[in-house]
Protein backbone atom coordinates (compact mmCIF):
# COMPACT_ATOMS: atom_id res chain seq x y z
CA MET A 1 111.58 100.33 82.08
CA THR A 2 108.29 98.82 81.33
CA PHE A 3 105.14 99.59 83.31
CA THR A 4 102.52 97.20 84.76
CA VAL A 5 99.37 98.15 86.00
CA ILE A 6 97.43 95.57 88.48
CA PRO A 7 94.48 95.73 89.91
CA ALA A 8 93.51 94.33 93.76
CA ILE A 9 91.11 92.36 94.71
CA ASP A 10 91.22 92.36 98.46
CA VAL A 11 89.20 89.15 100.28
CA ARG A 12 87.38 89.03 103.89
CA ASN A 13 84.41 86.47 104.57
CA ALA A 14 85.13 85.84 100.97
CA CYS A 15 83.74 89.21 99.98
CA VAL A 16 85.52 91.87 98.48
CA VAL A 17 86.60 94.56 100.46
CA ARG A 18 88.47 97.51 100.62
CA LEU A 19 89.24 99.19 104.18
CA SER A 20 90.03 102.57 104.97
CA GLN A 21 93.79 103.31 106.06
CA GLY A 22 94.16 99.66 106.66
CA ASP A 23 91.44 99.77 109.80
CA TYR A 24 89.01 96.81 109.91
CA GLY A 25 86.54 98.77 111.07
CA ARG A 26 86.19 100.83 108.04
CA GLU A 27 84.96 98.43 106.01
CA THR A 28 83.54 98.84 102.86
CA VAL A 29 81.74 95.80 100.75
CA TYR A 30 81.58 95.38 97.25
CA ASP A 31 79.03 93.48 95.46
CA ALA A 32 81.32 91.43 92.81
CA THR A 33 82.38 88.43 93.95
CA PRO A 34 86.02 87.78 94.01
CA LEU A 35 85.87 85.32 90.76
CA ARG A 36 84.09 87.72 89.29
CA ALA A 37 85.77 90.58 89.51
CA ALA A 38 88.98 88.82 88.40
CA GLN A 39 87.13 87.88 84.80
CA ARG A 40 86.08 91.85 84.59
CA TYR A 41 89.90 92.82 84.94
CA ALA A 42 90.77 89.62 82.93
CA ASP A 43 88.61 91.09 80.10
CA ALA A 44 89.11 94.26 80.37
CA GLY A 45 93.19 93.57 79.53
CA ALA A 46 95.25 93.25 82.68
CA GLN A 47 97.81 90.63 82.53
CA TRP A 48 98.81 90.35 86.65
CA LEU A 49 96.61 90.49 89.57
CA HIS A 50 97.17 91.22 93.18
CA LEU A 51 95.21 89.12 95.18
CA VAL A 52 95.40 89.32 99.55
CA ASP A 53 93.59 87.31 101.69
CA LEU A 54 93.44 90.19 104.71
CA ASP A 55 92.14 87.36 107.40
CA ALA A 56 95.19 85.99 106.94
CA ALA A 57 97.15 88.62 107.07
CA ARG A 58 95.77 89.46 109.84
CA LEU A 59 95.63 86.11 111.72
CA GLY A 60 97.96 83.82 109.57
CA ALA A 61 96.40 80.86 107.57
CA TYR A 62 95.62 81.71 103.49
CA SER A 63 92.59 80.51 102.77
CA LEU A 64 92.58 81.47 99.34
CA ARG A 65 94.11 78.83 97.43
CA PRO A 66 91.38 77.43 95.77
CA LEU A 67 90.20 81.49 94.48
CA ILE A 68 93.83 81.04 92.21
CA ALA A 69 93.00 77.55 91.12
CA GLU A 70 89.56 78.87 89.99
CA ILE A 71 91.26 82.57 88.31
CA ARG A 72 93.76 79.92 86.41
CA ARG A 73 91.22 77.65 84.83
CA SER A 74 88.83 80.46 83.96
CA THR A 75 91.69 84.01 82.89
CA ALA A 76 95.15 84.00 81.71
CA LEU A 77 95.88 86.39 85.12
CA ASN A 78 99.13 86.49 86.57
CA ILE A 79 97.98 86.68 89.82
CA GLN A 80 100.23 88.20 93.09
CA THR A 81 98.92 86.89 96.12
CA GLY A 82 99.45 86.98 99.39
CA GLY A 83 98.25 87.30 103.44
CA GLY A 84 99.29 84.93 106.65
CA ILE A 85 102.76 83.68 104.63
CA ARG A 86 104.32 82.74 108.18
CA SER A 87 107.06 80.06 106.17
CA GLU A 88 108.02 77.64 103.37
CA ALA A 89 105.26 75.53 103.36
CA ASP A 90 103.06 78.63 102.82
CA VAL A 91 105.81 79.51 100.55
CA GLU A 92 105.49 76.56 98.26
CA ALA A 93 101.54 75.74 98.19
CA LEU A 94 101.08 78.81 96.54
CA LEU A 95 103.73 78.83 93.86
CA GLU A 96 102.18 74.56 93.10
CA ALA A 97 98.60 76.83 93.45
CA GLY A 98 99.60 78.59 90.42
CA ALA A 99 100.88 81.80 91.91
CA ALA A 100 103.34 83.68 89.58
CA ARG A 101 104.59 85.40 92.83
CA VAL A 102 103.83 85.55 96.62
CA VAL A 103 104.03 88.52 99.05
CA VAL A 104 105.53 88.15 101.97
CA GLY A 105 104.74 91.51 104.18
CA THR A 106 104.29 90.74 108.25
CA LEU A 107 107.13 87.90 107.66
CA ALA A 108 109.19 90.15 106.17
CA VAL A 109 109.48 92.84 108.47
CA ARG A 110 109.30 90.40 111.56
CA GLU A 111 112.48 87.99 110.12
CA PRO A 112 114.22 89.50 107.50
CA THR A 113 116.84 87.18 107.84
CA ARG A 114 114.18 83.97 107.03
CA VAL A 115 112.68 85.82 103.80
CA ALA A 116 116.33 86.72 102.66
CA GLY A 117 116.34 83.36 102.10
CA TRP A 118 113.81 82.68 100.36
CA LEU A 119 114.84 84.88 97.65
CA ARG A 120 117.56 82.93 96.67
CA ASP A 121 115.65 79.66 97.30
CA TYR A 122 112.36 80.64 94.96
CA GLY A 123 114.55 83.36 93.07
CA SER A 124 114.19 87.05 93.42
CA GLN A 125 110.68 86.72 90.53
CA ARG A 126 108.77 84.64 93.09
CA ILE A 127 108.39 87.17 96.15
CA THR A 128 107.79 90.21 96.75
CA LEU A 129 107.74 92.16 99.79
CA ALA A 130 105.14 93.93 100.98
CA LEU A 131 106.45 96.94 103.39
CA ASP A 132 103.51 99.07 104.01
CA ALA A 133 104.46 102.29 106.05
CA ARG A 134 103.33 104.97 108.04
CA ALA A 135 105.51 108.19 108.90
CA ASP A 136 106.16 108.63 112.77
CA ASP A 137 106.25 112.58 113.90
CA ASN A 138 109.77 112.77 112.75
CA GLY A 139 108.85 111.79 109.25
CA ALA A 140 110.52 108.75 110.13
CA TRP A 141 108.69 105.65 107.50
CA ARG A 142 107.87 102.87 110.33
CA LEU A 143 106.58 99.35 109.10
CA PRO A 144 103.01 98.06 110.86
CA VAL A 145 102.44 94.37 111.02
CA ALA A 146 100.13 92.36 111.33
CA GLY A 147 96.73 93.81 109.02
CA TRP A 148 98.43 97.51 110.12
CA THR A 149 97.90 96.53 113.65
CA GLU A 150 101.21 95.96 115.47
CA ASN A 151 104.07 98.84 115.53
CA THR A 152 107.48 97.38 114.77
CA SER A 153 110.87 99.60 115.72
CA ASP A 154 113.08 99.40 111.28
CA THR A 155 112.78 101.88 109.89
CA LEU A 156 111.89 100.84 105.45
CA GLU A 157 114.98 102.30 104.46
CA GLN A 158 117.16 99.51 107.19
CA LEU A 159 114.95 96.98 105.86
CA LEU A 160 115.75 97.72 101.95
CA ASP A 161 119.32 98.37 102.68
CA ARG A 162 119.30 94.60 103.95
CA TYR A 163 117.22 93.03 101.72
CA ALA A 164 118.70 95.30 98.94
CA GLU A 165 121.99 92.84 99.48
CA ALA A 166 120.23 89.37 99.29
CA GLY A 167 118.79 90.74 96.02
CA LEU A 168 115.57 91.32 96.14
CA ARG A 169 113.54 92.91 93.01
CA HIS A 170 109.65 93.21 93.60
CA VAL A 171 108.68 95.72 96.34
CA LEU A 172 105.12 96.60 97.13
CA CYS A 173 105.63 99.64 98.94
CA THR A 174 101.96 102.05 100.38
CA ASP A 175 101.50 105.11 102.91
CA ILE A 176 98.90 103.26 104.92
CA ALA A 177 97.60 107.22 105.10
CA ARG A 178 96.70 106.84 101.80
CA ASP A 179 95.35 103.26 101.36
CA GLY A 180 91.82 103.51 100.26
CA MET A 181 90.59 107.36 100.46
CA LEU A 182 91.15 108.01 96.60
CA GLY A 183 93.78 111.15 97.59
CA GLY A 184 96.17 110.34 95.20
CA PHE A 185 99.31 108.45 95.78
CA ASN A 186 102.34 109.55 97.75
CA LEU A 187 104.83 110.63 94.79
CA ASP A 188 107.33 111.67 97.38
CA LEU A 189 107.87 107.87 98.38
CA TYR A 190 108.19 106.35 95.49
CA ARG A 191 111.00 109.14 94.36
CA MET A 192 113.44 108.52 97.60
CA LEU A 193 112.90 104.91 96.80
CA ALA A 194 113.85 104.79 93.21
CA GLY A 195 115.61 106.82 93.59
CA ARG A 196 117.91 105.08 96.41
CA TRP A 197 117.21 101.84 95.13
CA PRO A 198 117.42 101.93 91.48
CA GLN A 199 117.45 98.19 90.57
CA LEU A 200 114.54 97.32 92.32
CA GLN A 201 111.14 97.01 90.70
CA ILE A 202 108.90 99.19 92.95
CA GLN A 203 104.70 98.56 93.68
CA ALA A 204 103.15 101.94 93.84
CA SER A 205 99.80 101.65 96.61
CA GLY A 206 97.25 103.12 98.07
CA GLY A 207 95.17 106.73 96.91
CA VAL A 208 95.39 105.95 93.08
CA ARG A 209 91.75 107.89 91.94
CA SER A 210 92.92 108.75 88.14
CA VAL A 211 94.69 108.32 84.97
CA ASP A 212 97.11 111.41 85.86
CA ASP A 213 97.92 109.35 89.75
CA ILE A 214 98.95 106.43 87.62
CA VAL A 215 101.13 108.56 85.20
CA ALA A 216 103.26 110.65 87.69
CA ALA A 217 103.97 107.26 89.88
CA ARG A 218 105.49 105.96 86.50
CA GLU A 219 107.39 109.13 86.06
CA ALA A 220 108.35 109.14 90.24
CA GLY A 221 109.80 105.74 89.60
CA ALA A 222 107.71 103.14 89.79
CA SER A 223 107.49 100.14 87.45
CA ALA A 224 103.76 99.33 88.78
CA ALA A 225 100.77 100.99 90.17
CA ILE A 226 98.41 99.14 91.99
CA LEU A 227 94.64 99.68 91.76
CA GLY A 228 91.80 99.13 94.52
CA ARG A 229 88.76 100.84 95.28
CA ALA A 230 88.97 103.32 92.31
CA LEU A 231 87.80 100.48 89.59
CA LEU A 232 85.54 98.60 92.41
CA GLU A 233 83.36 102.00 92.28
CA ASP A 234 84.10 102.61 88.76
CA ARG A 235 85.78 105.98 89.54
CA LEU A 236 87.95 104.66 86.86
CA GLN A 237 88.14 102.18 84.32
CA LEU A 238 90.67 99.94 83.87
CA ALA A 239 91.30 100.22 80.27
CA GLU A 240 91.60 103.40 80.18
CA ALA A 241 94.23 102.51 83.34
CA LEU A 242 95.66 100.05 80.83
CA SER A 243 96.15 102.71 78.13
CA CYS A 244 97.89 105.39 79.89
């Protein structure tokens, strides 16, 4: 199985930022502009970029289409991007702007019938579901939405069963408790996902700190690893991660 290392850029107020455990009040702002960060990752050998509009994830109205165009003009990166995707027009606009895959999060949880239709209309290779999960007191994986500020009733397993029947291929799954904390991936989560839905291309996200974490995610059944804070803070070099 091909394994892909994907650097991530989260954008808020036109700045590269990271949130700790999805908390907008626990934000770190970095010096590099989003475009320069993307160019640096491309220069290091990345083939894919995960680009998130955090303002849109919370409030709607994706705003990074000009940035997609700039990145596409100056690099050969394939862009997977999302934040605030609410309609077919949003999906089409991002694909027309040059995105290779559109990431759908909140709407995928709230309106699965509608988003399942997008998998058929646009193709399973053009849509990535972002299912950010938080374990409740009983160990069930719940799916908060709207920038992780609103809780929902469906479990991760229930939703993935439904989407697997609709032809889903790409799913980015984050354990919210690990995100931005540099504590390593939740490997048990990815083992469960890969064992139950072997047809899915699972992107591991949340907490990577070393090459060992990336190797462990691959061995747990993930097909990709999303790298954010570790790269921004030079705790991990992208060239090293790409070669593992």
